[in-house]
N, C-alpha and C. Protein backbone atom coordinates (compact mmCIF):
# COMPACT_ATOMS: atom_id res chain seq x y z
N UNK A 1 57.36 -16.01 42.08
CA UNK A 1 56.43 -14.64 41.01
C UNK A 1 57.59 -13.74 40.94
N UNK A 2 56.68 -13.49 39.56
CA UNK A 2 57.87 -12.93 38.90
C UNK A 2 58.79 -11.50 40.24
N UNK A 3 59.17 -10.69 39.47
CA UNK A 3 59.71 -9.44 40.08
C UNK A 3 59.90 -8.22 38.93
N UNK A 4 58.93 -7.30 38.97
CA UNK A 4 58.73 -6.54 38.14
C UNK A 4 60.36 -5.50 38.14
N UNK A 5 60.86 -5.53 39.14
CA UNK A 5 62.38 -4.41 38.83
C UNK A 5 63.29 -5.45 38.35
N UNK A 6 63.50 -7.30 38.55
CA UNK A 6 64.34 -7.50 37.90
C UNK A 6 64.03 -8.10 36.34
N UNK A 7 63.08 -8.17 36.16
CA UNK A 7 62.60 -7.81 34.82
C UNK A 7 62.68 -6.66 33.49
N UNK A 8 62.55 -5.63 34.22
CA UNK A 8 62.76 -4.30 33.32
C UNK A 8 63.30 -4.03 33.37
N UNK A 9 64.55 -4.43 34.21
CA UNK A 9 65.85 -3.93 34.57
C UNK A 9 66.37 -5.18 33.28
N UNK A 10 66.25 -6.50 33.97
CA UNK A 10 66.57 -6.95 32.09
C UNK A 10 65.99 -7.05 30.96
N UNK A 11 65.14 -6.56 30.75
CA UNK A 11 64.54 -6.39 29.69
C UNK A 11 64.85 -4.99 29.45
N UNK A 12 65.07 -4.36 29.73
CA UNK A 12 65.82 -2.59 29.38
C UNK A 12 67.36 -2.69 29.19
N UNK A 13 68.53 -3.56 29.74
CA UNK A 13 69.02 -3.68 29.77
C UNK A 13 69.67 -4.39 28.18
N UNK A 14 68.96 -5.80 27.94
CA UNK A 14 68.31 -6.23 26.59
C UNK A 14 68.28 -5.48 25.42
N UNK A 15 67.12 -4.54 25.38
CA UNK A 15 66.85 -3.44 24.38
C UNK A 15 68.40 -2.87 24.05
N UNK A 16 68.52 -2.38 25.12
CA UNK A 16 69.62 -1.74 24.65
C UNK A 16 70.92 -2.11 24.39
N UNK A 17 70.90 -3.56 24.53
CA UNK A 17 72.46 -3.48 23.83
C UNK A 17 73.73 -3.86 23.90
N UNK A 18 74.59 -4.83 24.32
CA UNK A 18 75.96 -4.73 24.67
C UNK A 18 76.90 -3.78 24.26
N UNK A 19 77.58 -3.05 25.27
CA UNK A 19 78.62 -1.84 24.82
C UNK A 19 77.09 -0.08 25.93
N UNK A 20 76.55 -0.60 25.94
CA UNK A 20 75.54 0.25 26.02
C UNK A 20 74.36 0.12 27.26
N UNK A 21 74.55 1.04 28.41
CA UNK A 21 74.05 0.95 29.59
C UNK A 21 72.70 2.09 29.84
N UNK A 22 72.23 1.83 30.91
CA UNK A 22 70.80 1.90 31.65
C UNK A 22 71.07 3.14 32.74
N UNK A 23 70.07 4.19 32.65
CA UNK A 23 70.10 4.69 34.18
C UNK A 23 69.54 3.89 35.34
N UNK A 24 69.97 3.83 36.01
CA UNK A 24 68.71 2.95 37.45
C UNK A 24 66.97 3.58 37.03
N UNK A 25 67.25 5.20 37.38
CA UNK A 25 66.47 5.71 36.84
C UNK A 25 65.60 5.45 36.00
N UNK A 26 65.56 4.98 35.09
CA UNK A 26 64.88 4.04 33.89
C UNK A 26 64.32 2.99 34.10
N UNK A 27 64.59 2.40 34.69
CA UNK A 27 64.21 1.17 35.80
C UNK A 27 62.32 1.69 36.96
N UNK A 28 62.85 2.72 37.67
CA UNK A 28 62.47 3.02 38.62
C UNK A 28 61.65 3.64 37.53
N UNK A 29 61.60 4.34 37.04
CA UNK A 29 60.25 5.60 36.09
C UNK A 29 59.30 4.69 34.78
N UNK A 30 60.00 3.56 34.48
CA UNK A 30 59.17 2.60 33.44
C UNK A 30 58.05 2.33 34.78
N UNK A 31 58.69 1.52 36.32
CA UNK A 31 57.51 0.68 36.73
C UNK A 31 57.23 2.17 37.60
N UNK A 32 57.38 2.89 37.94
CA UNK A 32 56.01 4.00 38.66
C UNK A 32 56.05 5.62 38.36
N UNK A 33 55.96 5.66 36.94
CA UNK A 33 55.87 6.49 36.16
C UNK A 33 56.68 7.52 36.29
N UNK A 34 56.55 9.39 35.22
CA UNK A 34 57.35 9.73 35.42
C UNK A 34 57.07 10.64 36.39
N UNK A 35 56.33 10.92 37.42
CA UNK A 35 56.08 11.61 38.07
C UNK A 35 57.04 11.37 39.14
N UNK A 36 57.83 12.11 39.96
CA UNK A 36 59.07 12.11 41.21
C UNK A 36 58.58 10.86 42.44
N UNK A 37 57.17 11.19 43.22
CA UNK A 37 56.30 10.86 43.62
C UNK A 37 56.59 8.51 43.33
N UNK A 38 56.13 8.90 42.30
CA UNK A 38 55.89 7.31 41.51
C UNK A 38 57.50 6.71 41.84
N UNK A 39 58.69 6.94 41.23
CA UNK A 39 59.72 6.69 40.90
C UNK A 39 60.15 6.40 41.82
N UNK A 40 60.67 7.54 42.37
CA UNK A 40 61.59 7.89 43.98
C UNK A 40 61.84 7.04 44.75
N UNK A 41 60.93 6.65 45.13
CA UNK A 41 60.70 5.69 46.00
C UNK A 41 61.47 4.06 45.52
N UNK A 42 61.50 4.22 44.08
CA UNK A 42 61.64 2.65 43.93
C UNK A 42 63.75 2.12 43.51
N UNK A 43 64.64 3.89 43.99
CA UNK A 43 65.51 3.94 43.67
C UNK A 43 66.43 2.96 44.44
N UNK A 44 65.66 2.70 45.79
CA UNK A 44 66.96 1.67 46.43
C UNK A 44 66.80 0.47 46.20
N UNK A 45 65.05 -0.03 46.22
CA UNK A 45 65.53 -1.08 45.36
C UNK A 45 65.34 -1.36 44.32
N UNK A 46 65.74 -0.84 43.84
CA UNK A 46 66.46 -1.36 42.27
C UNK A 46 67.69 -0.89 42.54
N UNK A 47 68.72 -0.27 43.34
CA UNK A 47 70.16 -0.51 43.27
C UNK A 47 70.33 -2.27 44.23
N UNK A 48 69.14 -2.50 44.70
CA UNK A 48 69.25 -3.81 45.02
C UNK A 48 69.53 -4.92 44.52
N UNK A 49 67.92 -4.63 44.04
CA UNK A 49 68.12 -5.51 42.52
C UNK A 49 69.19 -5.63 41.85
N UNK A 50 69.81 -4.40 41.19
CA UNK A 50 70.43 -4.23 40.46
C UNK A 50 71.82 -4.94 40.89
N UNK A 51 72.95 -5.06 42.41
CA UNK A 51 73.27 -5.90 42.90
C UNK A 51 72.72 -6.61 43.01
N UNK A 52 72.12 -7.14 42.81
CA UNK A 52 72.24 -9.12 43.24
C UNK A 52 71.57 -9.74 41.79
N UNK A 53 71.49 -9.15 40.84
CA UNK A 53 71.48 -9.76 39.33
C UNK A 53 73.29 -9.34 38.89
N UNK A 54 73.54 -8.24 39.19
CA UNK A 54 75.15 -8.07 38.66
C UNK A 54 75.97 -9.34 39.79
N UNK A 55 75.11 -9.68 40.99
CA UNK A 55 76.32 -11.20 41.29
C UNK A 55 75.79 -12.06 40.79
N UNK A 56 74.65 -11.85 40.33
CA UNK A 56 74.24 -14.18 39.24
C UNK A 56 74.88 -13.89 38.25
N UNK A 57 75.73 -12.86 37.72
CA UNK A 57 76.09 -11.83 36.13
C UNK A 57 75.10 -11.90 35.60
N UNK A 58 74.31 -11.23 35.48
CA UNK A 58 73.11 -11.05 34.73
C UNK A 58 73.34 -10.06 34.00
N UNK A 59 73.74 -8.82 34.63
CA UNK A 59 73.90 -7.85 34.31
C UNK A 59 75.71 -7.43 35.29
N UNK A 60 75.76 -5.72 34.50
CA UNK A 60 77.26 -5.13 34.70
C UNK A 60 76.61 -4.38 36.28
N UNK A 61 76.97 -3.56 37.15
CA UNK A 61 77.36 -1.82 37.57
C UNK A 61 78.53 -1.30 37.04
N UNK A 62 78.46 -0.59 37.13
CA UNK A 62 79.64 0.47 36.44
C UNK A 62 79.46 1.41 36.68
N UNK A 63 80.65 2.37 36.67
CA UNK A 63 80.97 3.39 37.43
C UNK A 63 81.88 4.17 36.85
N UNK A 64 81.60 5.11 35.73
CA UNK A 64 82.56 5.88 34.86
C UNK A 64 83.48 5.04 33.82
N UNK A 65 82.09 4.22 33.28
CA UNK A 65 82.54 3.05 32.37
C UNK A 65 82.85 2.08 32.83
N UNK A 66 83.40 1.92 33.63
CA UNK A 66 84.59 0.42 34.12
C UNK A 66 83.35 -0.03 35.09
N UNK A 67 83.17 -1.80 35.81
CA UNK A 67 82.65 -2.21 36.16
C UNK A 67 83.14 -1.97 37.66
N UNK A 68 82.51 -1.79 38.63
CA UNK A 68 82.95 -2.37 39.74
C UNK A 68 82.38 -3.34 40.90
N UNK A 69 82.33 -3.66 41.69
CA UNK A 69 82.52 -4.52 43.28
C UNK A 69 80.77 -3.84 43.28
N UNK A 70 80.11 -5.11 43.55
CA UNK A 70 78.66 -4.88 43.50
C UNK A 70 78.01 -4.79 45.22
N UNK A 71 79.67 -5.17 45.06
CA UNK A 71 79.69 -4.68 46.94
C UNK A 71 80.03 -3.86 47.85
N UNK A 72 81.01 -3.21 46.81
CA UNK A 72 81.35 -1.43 47.06
C UNK A 72 81.88 -0.97 46.02
N UNK A 73 80.64 -0.48 46.37
CA UNK A 73 80.60 0.93 45.20
C UNK A 73 79.38 1.90 45.67
N UNK A 74 79.42 2.76 45.33
CA UNK A 74 79.21 4.46 45.73
C UNK A 74 78.68 5.41 44.78
N UNK A 75 77.52 6.48 44.42
CA UNK A 75 77.80 7.25 43.48
C UNK A 75 76.97 6.98 42.33
N UNK A 76 76.99 7.45 41.95
CA UNK A 76 76.36 7.97 40.85
C UNK A 76 76.46 5.92 39.85
N UNK A 77 75.76 5.59 39.24
CA UNK A 77 76.01 3.66 38.50
C UNK A 77 75.68 3.98 37.35
N UNK A 78 75.80 3.70 36.10
CA UNK A 78 75.07 2.41 35.39
C UNK A 78 74.42 0.99 35.22
N UNK A 79 73.33 0.24 34.51
CA UNK A 79 73.52 -0.83 34.48
C UNK A 79 73.69 -0.99 32.60
N UNK A 80 74.33 -2.35 33.02
CA UNK A 80 74.97 -2.79 30.93
C UNK A 80 74.79 -3.73 31.64
N UNK A 81 74.96 -5.16 30.09
CA UNK A 81 75.08 -6.57 30.18
C UNK A 81 76.23 -6.64 30.52
N UNK A 82 76.70 -7.80 31.22
CA UNK A 82 77.87 -8.09 31.13
C UNK A 82 78.67 -8.61 30.65
N UNK A 83 80.40 -8.03 30.29
CA UNK A 83 81.20 -7.87 29.41
C UNK A 83 80.99 -6.95 28.39
N UNK A 84 79.13 -6.02 28.50
CA UNK A 84 79.35 -5.51 27.04
C UNK A 84 80.46 -4.17 27.39
């Protein structure tokens, strides 16, 4: 069965295109809706999905515009296409 977080994340980064990034909350809001009670609880699952997809080479996790090690990053991050 397909993972809606993965599908949404990949669709959003592809739509944004090379050299552009998305905020993890965009993925959570796309699934959980505009109210924080809906998307807030999805933030940790979104992070786990981003880490997994980064390890698979499907997305890049960036901090301050630079790719980071998916196993070792803290704080605010963005998600983009790899090599973008």
